[in-house]
Amino acid sequence: MQKEDITFALFEISNAVNTTSDLDELFGKIHLSLGKIVDTQNFFIALYDPDEDYIHFPYFVDENTVGMQGTGYYAVDNPGSMSLRVIRSGESLFIKRQSIIEYCQETKCEPSGPVAEVWIGIPLIIKGEVIGVLAVQSYTDPDRFSSNALNLLNSVSDQIALAIERKRAEEELIERERLISVLYKLSNALYITKDLDTYFQIIRDTLDDVIDAENFTIAVHDPENDVLHFRYSADRMDHTMQNPVFNVSNTSSL
C-alpha cells in the first residue's frame, strides 16, 4: 500500500464534507474511499448515543445481513456486540471467529449477528468521546485482514470521525434554521388570518415543508364536556374526520 493512496483517501473523505448533501451520502463516500486502501466488502458505520446507551447503524453493507441499515439496539440488549466492546473500551479490536465465540461463552451472552471469520472495529473518537465505530469483516477468510489493515484504519479514523461530526453539526444547524422558519411563519400567520379554519390550513401547509403532513389532524379538547372536537383533518384514507365530536373516554386509539 502506497502512502500516496492513504493520503488521497483522506483527501477524498475530508473533501466529502463539503461536496455531500447529507450524512447518508457522506457515509457512502467514506465507504468508497476506504475501499481503495482496504477490503470493504462487508463494512458498516455505527453511531453511539451515550444518553440513551443506544447503537445505531446508519450505514451497513454486508453480504450476510440484509436490512440492517437504519436499525439499532440498546447496548444492554446486546452484550455480545463487538461494536459495543469497542465503544466501551475506546480501543480498536482485531478479533477472529474462535475468540468471538469464546468471549460470548465467558460472558454468557449470544453473538450479535452472524459471527465473522475475522472482524476489525475502530472507535470513532471526538474530544475523547467515542461517537461510533467503523468496522470491516469477512465471513469466509480468516486471513483477509492483517495488522496492516488495522493500522491503516486507525490512521484514518480521526479524519473520518471529524468528517462525520462536522456533517452532523451541519445537518443540525440546517434543521434548527428550518424550525425557526416554521415558527416564524406560524407566528406571522396569526396576524394575517381571520379565522381558525384558515389558520389550521396554514399550520398544515407550513409543517408539510419539514415533515410529511399528508395525513394531519388538529383536535381541540372541551374540558367541560370532556370531548374532542376534530376541527381540522386532512387524511388521504379517511375523509370523515372533519368536525366530528368524540367523547374522550371512547377515543383511546385516536
C-alpha atoms as a PDB file:
ATOM      1  CA  MET A   1       0.000   0.000   0.000  1.00  0.00           C
ATOM      2  CA  GLN A   2       1.431   3.318  -1.093  1.00  0.00           C
ATOM      3  CA  LYS A   3       1.433   6.258   1.297  1.00  0.00           C
ATOM      4  CA  GLU A   4       0.006   8.328  -1.561  1.00  0.00           C
ATOM      5  CA  ASP A   5      -3.087   6.073  -1.648  1.00  0.00           C
ATOM      6  CA  ILE A   6      -3.794   6.730   2.020  1.00  0.00           C
ATOM      7  CA  THR A   7      -3.237  10.454   1.609  1.00  0.00           C
ATOM      8  CA  PHE A   8      -5.622  10.543  -1.347  1.00  0.00           C
ATOM      9  CA  ALA A   9      -8.277   8.599   0.572  1.00  0.00           C
ATOM     10  CA  LEU A  10      -8.005  11.085   3.441  1.00  0.00           C
ATOM     11  CA  PHE A  11      -8.288  13.978   0.997  1.00  0.00           C
ATOM     12  CA  GLU A  12     -11.436  12.481  -0.534  1.00  0.00           C
ATOM     13  CA  ILE A  13     -13.035  11.959   2.889  1.00  0.00           C
ATOM     14  CA  SER A  14     -12.187  15.477   4.038  1.00  0.00           C
ATOM     15  CA  ASN A  15     -13.453  16.972   0.799  1.00  0.00           C
ATOM     16  CA  ALA A  16     -16.654  14.921   1.007  1.00  0.00           C
ATOM     17  CA  VAL A  17     -17.852  17.025   3.950  1.00  0.00           C
ATOM     18  CA  ASN A  18     -18.243  19.952   1.558  1.00  0.00           C
ATOM     19  CA  THR A  19     -19.407  18.030  -1.507  1.00  0.00           C
ATOM     20  CA  THR A  20     -22.035  15.703   0.003  1.00  0.00           C
ATOM     21  CA  SER A  21     -25.573  16.826   0.751  1.00  0.00           C
ATOM     22  CA  ASP A  22     -26.198  14.755   3.886  1.00  0.00           C
ATOM     23  CA  LEU A  23     -24.807  12.097   6.205  1.00  0.00           C
ATOM     24  CA  ASP A  24     -26.058   9.193   4.097  1.00  0.00           C
ATOM     25  CA  GLU A  25     -24.128  10.459   1.100  1.00  0.00           C
ATOM     26  CA  LEU A  26     -21.061  11.093   3.262  1.00  0.00           C
ATOM     27  CA  PHE A  27     -21.130   7.511   4.588  1.00  0.00           C
ATOM     28  CA  GLY A  28     -21.239   6.202   1.034  1.00  0.00           C
ATOM     29  CA  LYS A  29     -18.265   8.372   0.105  1.00  0.00           C
ATOM     30  CA  ILE A  30     -16.284   7.152   3.124  1.00  0.00           C
ATOM     31  CA  HIS A  31     -17.038   3.573   2.119  1.00  0.00           C
ATOM     32  CA  LEU A  32     -15.915   4.188  -1.455  1.00  0.00           C
ATOM     33  CA  SER A  33     -12.718   5.974  -0.411  1.00  0.00           C
ATOM     34  CA  LEU A  34     -11.719   3.343   2.155  1.00  0.00           C
ATOM     35  CA  GLY A  35     -12.337   0.630  -0.425  1.00  0.00           C
ATOM     36  CA  LYS A  36      -9.266   1.895  -2.248  1.00  0.00           C
ATOM     37  CA  ILE A  37      -6.954   1.045   0.642  1.00  0.00           C
ATOM     38  CA  VAL A  38      -8.650  -1.899   2.414  1.00  0.00           C
ATOM     39  CA  ASP A  39     -11.252  -4.590   1.659  1.00  0.00           C
ATOM     40  CA  THR A  40     -14.662  -3.048   2.477  1.00  0.00           C
ATOM     41  CA  GLN A  41     -16.954  -5.713   1.030  1.00  0.00           C
ATOM     42  CA  ASN A  42     -18.523  -6.076   4.473  1.00  0.00           C
ATOM     43  CA  PHE A  43     -18.464  -2.653   6.063  1.00  0.00           C
ATOM     44  CA  PHE A  44     -20.507  -0.594   8.467  1.00  0.00           C
ATOM     45  CA  ILE A  45     -20.525   2.610  10.451  1.00  0.00           C
ATOM     46  CA  ALA A  46     -22.298   2.605  13.812  1.00  0.00           C
ATOM     47  CA  LEU A  47     -23.042   5.753  15.807  1.00  0.00           C
ATOM     48  CA  TYR A  48     -23.439   5.786  19.565  1.00  0.00           C
ATOM     49  CA  ASP A  49     -25.885   7.814  21.668  1.00  0.00           C
ATOM     50  CA  PRO A  50     -24.470   7.878  25.230  1.00  0.00           C
ATOM     51  CA  ASP A  51     -27.624   9.423  26.711  1.00  0.00           C
ATOM     52  CA  GLU A  52     -29.772   6.525  25.517  1.00  0.00           C
ATOM     53  CA  ASP A  53     -26.904   3.982  25.516  1.00  0.00           C
ATOM     54  CA  TYR A  54     -28.063   3.164  22.002  1.00  0.00           C
ATOM     55  CA  ILE A  55     -26.088   1.946  18.975  1.00  0.00           C
ATOM     56  CA  HIS A  56     -27.491   2.973  15.589  1.00  0.00           C
ATOM     57  CA  PHE A  57     -26.374   1.641  12.185  1.00  0.00           C
ATOM     58  CA  PRO A  58     -26.934   4.421   9.630  1.00  0.00           C
ATOM     59  CA  TYR A  59     -24.668   2.728   7.070  1.00  0.00           C
ATOM     60  CA  PHE A  60     -24.414  -1.043   6.714  1.00  0.00           C
ATOM     61  CA  VAL A  61     -23.191  -3.035   3.696  1.00  0.00           C
ATOM     62  CA  ASP A  62     -22.994  -6.752   4.376  1.00  0.00           C
ATOM     63  CA  GLU A  63     -23.276  -9.934   2.319  1.00  0.00           C
ATOM     64  CA  ASN A  64     -24.840 -11.940   5.167  1.00  0.00           C
ATOM     65  CA  THR A  65     -27.057  -9.400   6.925  1.00  0.00           C
ATOM     66  CA  VAL A  66     -29.753  -7.748   4.840  1.00  0.00           C
ATOM     67  CA  GLY A  67     -31.848  -4.870   6.117  1.00  0.00           C
ATOM     68  CA  MET A  68     -29.565  -3.861   8.984  1.00  0.00           C
ATOM     69  CA  GLN A  69     -29.033  -0.323   7.706  1.00  0.00           C
ATOM     70  CA  GLY A  70     -31.049   2.201   9.672  1.00  0.00           C
ATOM     71  CA  THR A  71     -31.655  -0.149  12.610  1.00  0.00           C
ATOM     72  CA  GLY A  72     -30.074  -0.212  16.034  1.00  0.00           C
ATOM     73  CA  TYR A  73     -30.257  -1.577  19.553  1.00  0.00           C
ATOM     74  CA  TYR A  74     -29.825  -0.592  23.162  1.00  0.00           C
ATOM     75  CA  ALA A  75     -26.404  -1.640  24.402  1.00  0.00           C
ATOM     76  CA  VAL A  76     -27.835  -3.570  27.346  1.00  0.00           C
ATOM     77  CA  ASP A  77     -29.722  -5.841  24.945  1.00  0.00           C
ATOM     78  CA  ASN A  78     -26.613  -6.945  23.014  1.00  0.00           C
ATOM     79  CA  PRO A  79     -23.673  -7.625  25.351  1.00  0.00           C
ATOM     80  CA  GLY A  80     -22.256  -9.914  22.646  1.00  0.00           C
ATOM     81  CA  SER A  81     -21.842  -6.992  20.255  1.00  0.00           C
ATOM     82  CA  MET A  82     -18.261  -6.436  19.159  1.00  0.00           C
ATOM     83  CA  SER A  83     -19.196  -2.833  18.362  1.00  0.00           C
ATOM     84  CA  LEU A  84     -20.217  -2.405  21.983  1.00  0.00           C
ATOM     85  CA  ARG A  85     -16.834  -3.746  23.109  1.00  0.00           C
ATOM     86  CA  VAL A  86     -15.097  -1.101  21.011  1.00  0.00           C
ATOM     87  CA  ILE A  87     -17.383   1.644  22.326  1.00  0.00           C
ATOM     88  CA  ARG A  88     -16.915   0.645  25.961  1.00  0.00           C
ATOM     89  CA  SER A  89     -13.131   0.296  25.709  1.00  0.00           C
ATOM     90  CA  GLY A  90     -12.471   3.125  23.277  1.00  0.00           C
ATOM     91  CA  GLU A  91      -9.870   0.875  21.653  1.00  0.00           C
ATOM     92  CA  SER A  92      -9.595  -0.881  18.300  1.00  0.00           C
ATOM     93  CA  LEU A  93     -10.438  -4.566  18.150  1.00  0.00           C
ATOM     94  CA  PHE A  94      -8.943  -7.156  15.786  1.00  0.00           C
ATOM     95  CA  ILE A  95     -10.636 -10.478  16.524  1.00  0.00           C
ATOM     96  CA  LYS A  96     -11.238 -13.825  14.867  1.00  0.00           C
ATOM     97  CA  ARG A  97     -14.179 -16.205  14.982  1.00  0.00           C
ATOM     98  CA  GLN A  98     -12.986 -18.503  17.768  1.00  0.00           C
ATOM     99  CA  SER A  99     -12.153 -15.577  20.037  1.00  0.00           C
ATOM    100  CA  ILE A 100     -15.610 -14.080  19.467  1.00  0.00           C
ATOM    101  CA  ILE A 101     -17.238 -17.385  20.422  1.00  0.00           C
ATOM    102  CA  GLU A 102     -15.039 -17.750  23.497  1.00  0.00           C
ATOM    103  CA  TYR A 103     -15.813 -14.187  24.588  1.00  0.00           C
ATOM    104  CA  CYS A 104     -19.548 -14.837  24.356  1.00  0.00           C
ATOM    105  CA  GLN A 105     -19.198 -18.085  26.277  1.00  0.00           C
ATOM    106  CA  GLU A 106     -17.225 -16.375  29.032  1.00  0.00           C
ATOM    107  CA  THR A 107     -19.706 -13.522  29.324  1.00  0.00           C
ATOM    108  CA  LYS A 108     -22.725 -15.843  28.897  1.00  0.00           C
ATOM    109  CA  CYS A 109     -24.220 -13.943  26.002  1.00  0.00           C
ATOM    110  CA  GLU A 110     -25.192 -14.586  22.406  1.00  0.00           C
ATOM    111  CA  PRO A 111     -23.152 -13.183  19.496  1.00  0.00           C
ATOM    112  CA  SER A 112     -24.752 -10.150  17.909  1.00  0.00           C
ATOM    113  CA  GLY A 113     -25.500 -11.292  14.364  1.00  0.00           C
ATOM    114  CA  PRO A 114     -23.571 -13.757  12.178  1.00  0.00           C
ATOM    115  CA  VAL A 115     -20.104 -14.491  13.512  1.00  0.00           C
ATOM    116  CA  ALA A 116     -17.386 -13.398  11.101  1.00  0.00           C
ATOM    117  CA  GLU A 117     -14.162 -15.290  10.479  1.00  0.00           C
ATOM    118  CA  VAL A 118     -12.323 -12.041  11.182  1.00  0.00           C
ATOM    119  CA  TRP A 119     -13.627  -8.694  12.438  1.00  0.00           C
ATOM    120  CA  ILE A 120     -11.955  -5.300  12.802  1.00  0.00           C
ATOM    121  CA  GLY A 121     -13.620  -2.450  14.678  1.00  0.00           C
ATOM    122  CA  ILE A 122     -12.170   1.059  15.021  1.00  0.00           C
ATOM    123  CA  PRO A 123     -13.540   3.612  17.510  1.00  0.00           C
ATOM    124  CA  LEU A 124     -14.534   6.994  16.125  1.00  0.00           C
ATOM    125  CA  ILE A 125     -13.482   9.499  18.746  1.00  0.00           C
ATOM    126  CA  ILE A 126     -14.125  13.234  19.084  1.00  0.00           C
ATOM    127  CA  LYS A 127     -12.589  15.136  22.017  1.00  0.00           C
ATOM    128  CA  GLY A 128     -12.009  11.928  23.942  1.00  0.00           C
ATOM    129  CA  GLU A 129     -15.569  10.670  23.500  1.00  0.00           C
ATOM    130  CA  VAL A 130     -16.461   7.649  21.356  1.00  0.00           C
ATOM    131  CA  ILE A 131     -19.151   8.713  18.892  1.00  0.00           C
ATOM    132  CA  GLY A 132     -19.246   5.456  16.974  1.00  0.00           C
ATOM    133  CA  VAL A 133     -17.478   2.536  15.350  1.00  0.00           C
ATOM    134  CA  LEU A 134     -16.192   1.783  11.867  1.00  0.00           C
ATOM    135  CA  ALA A 135     -15.901  -1.929  11.083  1.00  0.00           C
ATOM    136  CA  VAL A 136     -14.893  -4.350   8.343  1.00  0.00           C
ATOM    137  CA  GLN A 137     -15.256  -8.119   8.430  1.00  0.00           C
ATOM    138  CA  SER A 138     -15.007 -11.315   6.412  1.00  0.00           C
ATOM    139  CA  TYR A 139     -17.239 -14.364   6.745  1.00  0.00           C
ATOM    140  CA  THR A 140     -15.082 -16.636   4.573  1.00  0.00           C
ATOM    141  CA  ASP A 141     -11.404 -15.870   5.033  1.00  0.00           C
ATOM    142  CA  PRO A 142      -9.794 -15.563   8.498  1.00  0.00           C
ATOM    143  CA  ASP A 143      -6.688 -14.160   6.844  1.00  0.00           C
ATOM    144  CA  ARG A 144      -8.480 -11.499   4.799  1.00  0.00           C
ATOM    145  CA  PHE A 145      -7.102  -8.773   7.067  1.00  0.00           C
ATOM    146  CA  SER A 146      -3.720  -8.322   8.694  1.00  0.00           C
ATOM    147  CA  SER A 147      -2.366  -5.962  11.310  1.00  0.00           C
ATOM    148  CA  ASN A 148      -1.587  -3.657   8.390  1.00  0.00           C
ATOM    149  CA  ALA A 149      -5.326  -3.214   7.716  1.00  0.00           C
ATOM    150  CA  LEU A 150      -5.849  -2.414  11.384  1.00  0.00           C
ATOM    151  CA  ASN A 151      -3.090   0.198  11.274  1.00  0.00           C
ATOM    152  CA  LEU A 152      -4.481   1.710   8.073  1.00  0.00           C
ATOM    153  CA  LEU A 153      -7.971   2.117   9.533  1.00  0.00           C
ATOM    154  CA  ASN A 154      -6.559   3.516  12.764  1.00  0.00           C
ATOM    155  CA  SER A 155      -4.575   6.060  10.779  1.00  0.00           C
ATOM    156  CA  VAL A 156      -7.699   7.451   9.087  1.00  0.00           C
ATOM    157  CA  SER A 157     -10.195   7.085  11.953  1.00  0.00           C
ATOM    158  CA  ASP A 158      -9.654  10.587  13.374  1.00  0.00           C
ATOM    159  CA  GLN A 159     -10.302  12.152   9.973  1.00  0.00           C
ATOM    160  CA  ILE A 160     -13.441  10.049   9.494  1.00  0.00           C
ATOM    161  CA  ALA A 161     -14.753  10.914  12.966  1.00  0.00           C
ATOM    162  CA  LEU A 162     -14.159  14.611  12.301  1.00  0.00           C
ATOM    163  CA  ALA A 163     -15.909  14.420   8.920  1.00  0.00           C
ATOM    164  CA  ILE A 164     -18.961  12.735  10.466  1.00  0.00           C
ATOM    165  CA  GLU A 165     -19.116  15.198  13.340  1.00  0.00           C
ATOM    166  CA  ARG A 166     -18.860  18.196  11.004  1.00  0.00           C
ATOM    167  CA  LYS A 167     -21.616  16.858   8.776  1.00  0.00           C
ATOM    168  CA  ARG A 168     -23.844  16.109  11.784  1.00  0.00           C
ATOM    169  CA  ALA A 169     -23.324  19.649  13.077  1.00  0.00           C
ATOM    170  CA  GLU A 170     -24.145  20.999   9.629  1.00  0.00           C
ATOM    171  CA  GLU A 171     -27.379  18.987   9.453  1.00  0.00           C
ATOM    172  CA  GLU A 172     -28.372  20.048  12.981  1.00  0.00           C
ATOM    173  CA  LEU A 173     -27.839  23.696  12.038  1.00  0.00           C
ATOM    174  CA  ILE A 174     -29.982  23.302   8.916  1.00  0.00           C
ATOM    175  CA  GLU A 175     -32.691  21.599  10.982  1.00  0.00           C
ATOM    176  CA  ARG A 176     -32.673  24.420  13.549  1.00  0.00           C
ATOM    177  CA  GLU A 177     -32.943  27.009  10.787  1.00  0.00           C
ATOM    178  CA  ARG A 178     -35.894  25.134   9.268  1.00  0.00           C
ATOM    179  CA  LEU A 179     -37.593  25.013  12.668  1.00  0.00           C
ATOM    180  CA  ILE A 180     -37.069  28.740  13.213  1.00  0.00           C
ATOM    181  CA  SER A 181     -38.530  29.383   9.760  1.00  0.00           C
ATOM    182  CA  VAL A 182     -41.608  27.298  10.599  1.00  0.00           C
ATOM    183  CA  LEU A 183     -42.138  29.099  13.898  1.00  0.00           C
ATOM    184  CA  TYR A 184     -41.788  32.472  12.176  1.00  0.00           C
ATOM    185  CA  LYS A 185     -44.341  31.571   9.501  1.00  0.00           C
ATOM    186  CA  LEU A 186     -46.838  30.309  12.082  1.00  0.00           C
ATOM    187  CA  SER A 187     -46.348  33.365  14.270  1.00  0.00           C
ATOM    188  CA  ASN A 188     -46.754  35.714  11.314  1.00  0.00           C
ATOM    189  CA  ALA A 189     -49.879  33.854  10.151  1.00  0.00           C
ATOM    190  CA  LEU A 190     -51.650  34.792  13.375  1.00  0.00           C
ATOM    191  CA  TYR A 191     -51.772  38.398  12.182  1.00  0.00           C
ATOM    192  CA  ILE A 192     -52.986  37.753   8.651  1.00  0.00           C
ATOM    193  CA  THR A 193     -55.659  35.085   9.131  1.00  0.00           C
ATOM    194  CA  LYS A 194     -59.232  35.946  10.044  1.00  0.00           C
ATOM    195  CA  ASP A 195     -60.452  32.581  11.360  1.00  0.00           C
ATOM    196  CA  LEU A 196     -59.191  29.366  12.908  1.00  0.00           C
ATOM    197  CA  ASP A 197     -60.042  27.170   9.941  1.00  0.00           C
ATOM    198  CA  THR A 198     -57.736  29.194   7.715  1.00  0.00           C
ATOM    199  CA  TYR A 199     -55.024  29.145  10.372  1.00  0.00           C
ATOM    200  CA  PHE A 200     -55.308  25.365  10.736  1.00  0.00           C
ATOM    201  CA  GLN A 201     -54.747  25.032   7.000  1.00  0.00           C
ATOM    202  CA  ILE A 202     -51.663  27.262   7.230  1.00  0.00           C
ATOM    203  CA  ILE A 203     -50.329  25.136  10.099  1.00  0.00           C
ATOM    204  CA  ARG A 204     -50.698  22.009   7.993  1.00  0.00           C
ATOM    205  CA  ASP A 205     -49.121  23.571   4.885  1.00  0.00           C
ATOM    206  CA  THR A 206     -46.214  25.002   6.884  1.00  0.00           C
ATOM    207  CA  LEU A 207     -45.449  21.765   8.703  1.00  0.00           C
ATOM    208  CA  ASP A 208     -45.579  19.924   5.395  1.00  0.00           C
ATOM    209  CA  ASP A 209     -42.400  21.782   4.444  1.00  0.00           C
ATOM    210  CA  VAL A 210     -40.431  19.987   7.178  1.00  0.00           C
ATOM    211  CA  ILE A 211     -42.334  16.730   7.811  1.00  0.00           C
ATOM    212  CA  ASP A 212     -44.804  14.572   5.940  1.00  0.00           C
ATOM    213  CA  ALA A 213     -48.132  16.166   6.907  1.00  0.00           C
ATOM    214  CA  GLU A 214     -50.224  14.459   4.232  1.00  0.00           C
ATOM    215  CA  ASN A 215     -52.340  12.869   6.957  1.00  0.00           C
ATOM    216  CA  PHE A 216     -52.790  15.595   9.538  1.00  0.00           C
ATOM    217  CA  THR A 217     -55.381  16.287  12.227  1.00  0.00           C
ATOM    218  CA  ILE A 218     -56.000  19.009  14.801  1.00  0.00           C
ATOM    219  CA  ALA A 219     -58.323  18.165  17.661  1.00  0.00           C
ATOM    220  CA  VAL A 220     -59.492  20.634  20.320  1.00  0.00           C
ATOM    221  CA  HIS A 221     -60.379  19.387  23.784  1.00  0.00           C
ATOM    222  CA  ASP A 222     -63.508  20.668  25.509  1.00  0.00           C
ATOM    223  CA  PRO A 223     -62.724  20.027  29.213  1.00  0.00           C
ATOM    224  CA  GLU A 224     -66.229  20.943  30.387  1.00  0.00           C
ATOM    225  CA  ASN A 225     -67.841  18.161  28.367  1.00  0.00           C
ATOM    226  CA  ASP A 226     -64.676  16.045  28.110  1.00  0.00           C
ATOM    227  CA  VAL A 227     -64.944  15.700  24.349  1.00  0.00           C
ATOM    228  CA  LEU A 228     -62.563  16.081  21.413  1.00  0.00           C
ATOM    229  CA  HIS A 229     -63.696  18.287  18.564  1.00  0.00           C
ATOM    230  CA  PHE A 230     -61.802  17.472  15.353  1.00  0.00           C
ATOM    231  CA  ARG A 231     -61.626  20.948  13.870  1.00  0.00           C
ATOM    232  CA  TYR A 232     -59.248  20.108  11.036  1.00  0.00           C
ATOM    233  CA  SER A 233     -58.446  16.858   9.258  1.00  0.00           C
ATOM    234  CA  ALA A 234     -56.550  16.128   6.076  1.00  0.00           C
ATOM    235  CA  ASP A 235     -56.398  12.366   5.685  1.00  0.00           C
ATOM    236  CA  ARG A 236     -55.760  10.544   2.439  1.00  0.00           C
ATOM    237  CA  MET A 237     -57.736   7.477   3.540  1.00  0.00           C
ATOM    238  CA  ASP A 238     -60.314   8.847   5.962  1.00  0.00           C
ATOM    239  CA  HIS A 239     -62.492  11.770   4.869  1.00  0.00           C
ATOM    240  CA  THR A 240     -64.937  11.522   7.765  1.00  0.00           C
ATOM    241  CA  MET A 241     -62.898  13.214  10.490  1.00  0.00           C
ATOM    242  CA  GLN A 242     -63.656  16.864   9.666  1.00  0.00           C
ATOM    243  CA  ASN A 243     -65.633  18.377  12.578  1.00  0.00           C
ATOM    244  CA  PRO A 244     -66.845  15.233  14.372  1.00  0.00           C
ATOM    245  CA  VAL A 245     -67.004  15.204  18.182  1.00  0.00           C
ATOM    246  CA  PHE A 246     -65.884  12.242  20.307  1.00  0.00           C
ATOM    247  CA  ASN A 247     -66.167  11.518  23.965  1.00  0.00           C
ATOM    248  CA  VAL A 248     -62.585  11.364  25.285  1.00  0.00           C
ATOM    249  CA  SER A 249     -63.186   8.105  27.146  1.00  0.00           C
ATOM    250  CA  ASN A 250     -64.032   6.416  23.847  1.00  0.00           C
ATOM    251  CA  THR A 251     -61.122   7.707  21.748  1.00  0.00           C
ATOM    252  CA  SER A 252     -58.133   5.761  23.049  1.00  0.00           C
ATOM    253  CA  SER A 253     -56.938   4.986  19.522  1.00  0.00           C
ATOM    254  CA  LEU A 254     -57.319   8.486  18.086  1.00  0.00           C
END
